[in-house]
Amino acid sequence: MHIWKKIDKVLDIIIAFFYLTIISVVSIQVVCRVIPALTAPSWTEELSRYLMVYLVAFSTGFAIKENAFISVDTLRSHLGEKKALVLDLILNIIIMVFFGFLFVSCIQFFKLGFPQNSITMPRLTMSIVYFSLVILVVQVISNLALKVKKTVEVMKNMEAI
């Protein structure tokens, strides 16, 4: 099995874990609010937000890989196939460079979170929450790098024909 397929399998499991966990936490919150005798624990609301952040951080890479983001392709459709590939290549490289700069800031942001604790879950340092940004940036850069590589290969094959 190719290394990227193994990574995708692990990410599938992680995403499923966060998805099931957020469903469980929100279910606790809903049940406690519906039954008058119960009081919803304060940590459920905060934890559900953090789980959502991690769910997005881990899912973004798949969205890039599967072209699941909304795009306006009016310009692209008027270009020829080769020019559209060049446009894709340039845009993906620009986004990778932007996220490369963002990576440095994410590391600094992660470090800032060490002395801060969550309000309702004091054992949870905010650096754990901020680490989700590092995961997101790494996934975006790596998946865009794969897309750039595939685009270059397609362009080489077009020239060979």
Protein backbone atom coordinates (compact mmCIF):
# COMPACT_ATOMS: atom_id res chain seq x y z
CA MET A 1 0.00 0.00 0.00
CA HIS A 2 1.33 3.42 -0.95
CA ILE A 3 2.32 5.66 1.98
CA TRP A 4 -0.33 8.27 1.10
CA LYS A 5 -3.07 5.64 1.18
CA LYS A 6 -1.91 4.59 4.64
CA ILE A 7 -1.94 8.21 5.80
CA ASP A 8 -5.45 8.65 4.34
CA LYS A 9 -6.62 5.54 6.20
CA VAL A 10 -5.26 6.89 9.51
CA LEU A 11 -6.87 10.28 8.84
CA ASP A 12 -10.18 8.54 8.07
CA ILE A 13 -10.06 6.89 11.49
CA ILE A 14 -9.12 10.16 13.23
CA ILE A 15 -11.93 12.05 11.48
CA ALA A 16 -14.43 9.33 12.40
CA PHE A 17 -13.24 9.51 16.02
CA PHE A 18 -13.73 13.28 16.21
CA TYR A 19 -17.08 13.02 14.46
CA LEU A 20 -18.40 10.36 16.84
CA THR A 21 -16.99 12.19 19.85
CA ILE A 22 -18.64 15.48 18.90
CA ILE A 23 -21.95 13.66 18.40
CA SER A 24 -21.62 12.09 21.85
CA VAL A 25 -20.72 15.35 23.59
CA VAL A 26 -23.51 17.33 21.92
CA SER A 27 -25.96 14.50 22.70
CA ILE A 28 -25.08 14.79 26.38
CA GLN A 29 -25.71 18.52 26.15
CA VAL A 30 -29.07 18.09 24.39
CA VAL A 31 -30.33 15.38 26.74
CA CYS A 32 -29.39 17.45 29.79
CA ARG A 33 -31.24 20.47 28.41
CA VAL A 34 -34.37 18.51 27.49
CA ILE A 35 -34.74 16.77 30.85
CA PRO A 36 -35.58 19.44 33.45
CA ALA A 37 -33.97 17.55 36.35
CA LEU A 38 -30.56 17.52 34.66
CA THR A 39 -28.07 20.32 34.18
CA ALA A 40 -25.77 20.28 31.15
CA PRO A 41 -22.12 20.10 32.21
CA SER A 42 -20.34 23.32 31.32
CA TRP A 43 -17.44 21.52 29.65
CA THR A 44 -19.65 20.00 26.93
CA GLU A 45 -20.15 23.28 25.10
CA GLU A 46 -16.47 24.17 25.08
CA LEU A 47 -15.35 20.66 24.19
CA SER A 48 -17.80 20.49 21.29
CA ARG A 49 -16.26 23.68 19.85
CA TYR A 50 -12.74 22.29 20.16
CA LEU A 51 -13.79 19.00 18.58
CA MET A 52 -15.36 20.91 15.67
CA VAL A 53 -12.11 22.82 15.16
CA TYR A 54 -10.14 19.56 15.03
CA LEU A 55 -12.73 17.96 12.74
CA VAL A 56 -12.27 20.83 10.28
CA ALA A 57 -8.48 20.74 10.64
CA PHE A 58 -8.30 17.05 9.75
CA SER A 59 -10.98 17.20 7.03
CA THR A 60 -9.53 20.11 5.08
CA GLY A 61 -6.84 17.95 3.50
CA PHE A 62 -9.45 15.56 2.12
CA ALA A 63 -11.49 18.47 0.78
CA ILE A 64 -8.46 19.73 -1.13
CA LYS A 65 -7.59 16.27 -2.41
CA GLU A 66 -11.14 15.63 -3.63
CA ASN A 67 -11.69 19.17 -5.01
CA ALA A 68 -14.65 19.50 -2.64
CA PHE A 69 -14.35 23.24 -2.14
CA ILE A 70 -16.65 25.51 -4.08
CA SER A 71 -14.92 27.12 -7.03
CA VAL A 72 -15.86 29.53 -9.74
CA ASP A 73 -14.54 28.13 -12.98
CA THR A 74 -15.81 30.73 -15.43
CA LEU A 75 -12.30 31.85 -16.36
CA ARG A 76 -10.98 28.31 -16.35
CA SER A 77 -13.71 27.09 -18.71
CA HIS A 78 -12.83 29.77 -21.28
CA LEU A 79 -9.17 28.84 -21.28
CA GLY A 80 -7.85 25.84 -23.14
CA GLU A 81 -7.00 22.69 -21.24
CA LYS A 82 -3.28 23.46 -21.04
CA LYS A 83 -3.80 27.09 -19.96
CA ALA A 84 -6.30 25.93 -17.34
CA LEU A 85 -3.68 23.54 -15.96
CA VAL A 86 -1.12 26.36 -15.87
CA LEU A 87 -3.65 28.52 -13.99
CA ASP A 88 -4.28 25.68 -11.51
CA LEU A 89 -0.54 25.23 -11.06
CA ILE A 90 0.07 28.93 -10.39
CA LEU A 91 -2.87 29.25 -7.98
CA ASN A 92 -1.89 26.12 -6.03
CA ILE A 93 1.71 27.34 -5.71
CA ILE A 94 0.53 30.78 -4.50
CA ILE A 95 -1.72 29.13 -1.90
CA MET A 96 1.14 26.85 -0.79
CA VAL A 97 3.44 29.86 -0.31
CA PHE A 98 0.74 31.68 1.67
CA PHE A 99 0.24 28.66 3.92
CA GLY A 100 4.01 28.33 4.28
CA PHE A 101 4.08 31.82 5.82
CA LEU A 102 1.02 30.94 7.88
CA PHE A 103 2.82 27.85 9.23
CA VAL A 104 5.40 30.04 10.99
CA SER A 105 2.63 32.03 12.66
CA CYS A 106 0.80 28.86 13.66
CA ILE A 107 3.88 27.55 15.45
CA GLN A 108 4.18 30.84 17.37
CA PHE A 109 0.46 30.75 18.17
CA PHE A 110 0.85 27.14 19.40
CA LYS A 111 3.68 28.20 21.72
CA LEU A 112 1.58 31.05 23.12
CA GLY A 113 -1.05 28.55 24.27
CA PHE A 114 1.14 26.70 26.77
CA PRO A 115 0.56 29.01 29.75
CA GLN A 116 -3.18 29.31 29.03
CA ASN A 117 -5.75 26.79 30.22
CA SER A 118 -9.29 26.13 29.10
CA ILE A 119 -11.90 27.80 31.30
CA THR A 120 -14.15 24.78 31.88
CA MET A 121 -11.44 22.14 31.47
CA PRO A 122 -8.42 23.49 33.38
CA ARG A 123 -6.17 20.52 32.59
CA LEU A 124 -6.44 21.29 28.88
CA THR A 125 -3.86 23.82 27.74
CA MET A 126 -4.88 26.01 24.85
CA SER A 127 -1.79 24.91 22.94
CA ILE A 128 -3.60 21.62 22.33
CA VAL A 129 -6.44 23.53 20.72
CA TYR A 130 -4.08 25.82 18.78
CA PHE A 131 -2.19 22.79 17.45
CA SER A 132 -5.18 22.17 15.19
CA LEU A 133 -3.98 25.10 13.06
CA VAL A 134 -0.61 23.41 12.58
CA ILE A 135 -2.39 20.24 11.46
CA LEU A 136 -4.58 22.20 9.07
CA VAL A 137 -1.65 24.06 7.49
CA VAL A 138 0.46 20.91 7.10
CA GLN A 139 -2.44 19.09 5.44
CA VAL A 140 -3.16 21.98 3.08
CA ILE A 141 0.49 22.28 2.02
CA SER A 142 1.01 18.53 1.58
CA ASN A 143 -2.20 18.01 -0.40
CA LEU A 144 -1.53 21.03 -2.59
CA ALA A 145 2.00 19.73 -3.20
CA LEU A 146 0.49 16.44 -4.40
CA LYS A 147 -1.90 18.36 -6.67
CA VAL A 148 0.99 20.39 -8.09
CA LYS A 149 2.96 17.20 -8.73
CA LYS A 150 -0.02 15.60 -10.52
CA THR A 151 -0.64 18.76 -12.55
CA VAL A 152 2.99 18.85 -13.69
CA GLU A 153 2.80 15.16 -14.66
CA VAL A 154 -0.39 15.79 -16.69
CA MET A 155 1.26 18.76 -18.40
CA LYS A 156 4.31 16.64 -19.29
CA ASN A 157 2.08 13.91 -20.71
CA MET A 158 0.23 16.53 -22.80
CA GLU A 159 3.54 17.69 -24.27
CA ALA A 160 4.57 14.11 -25.03
CA ILE A 161 1.45 13.53 -27.13
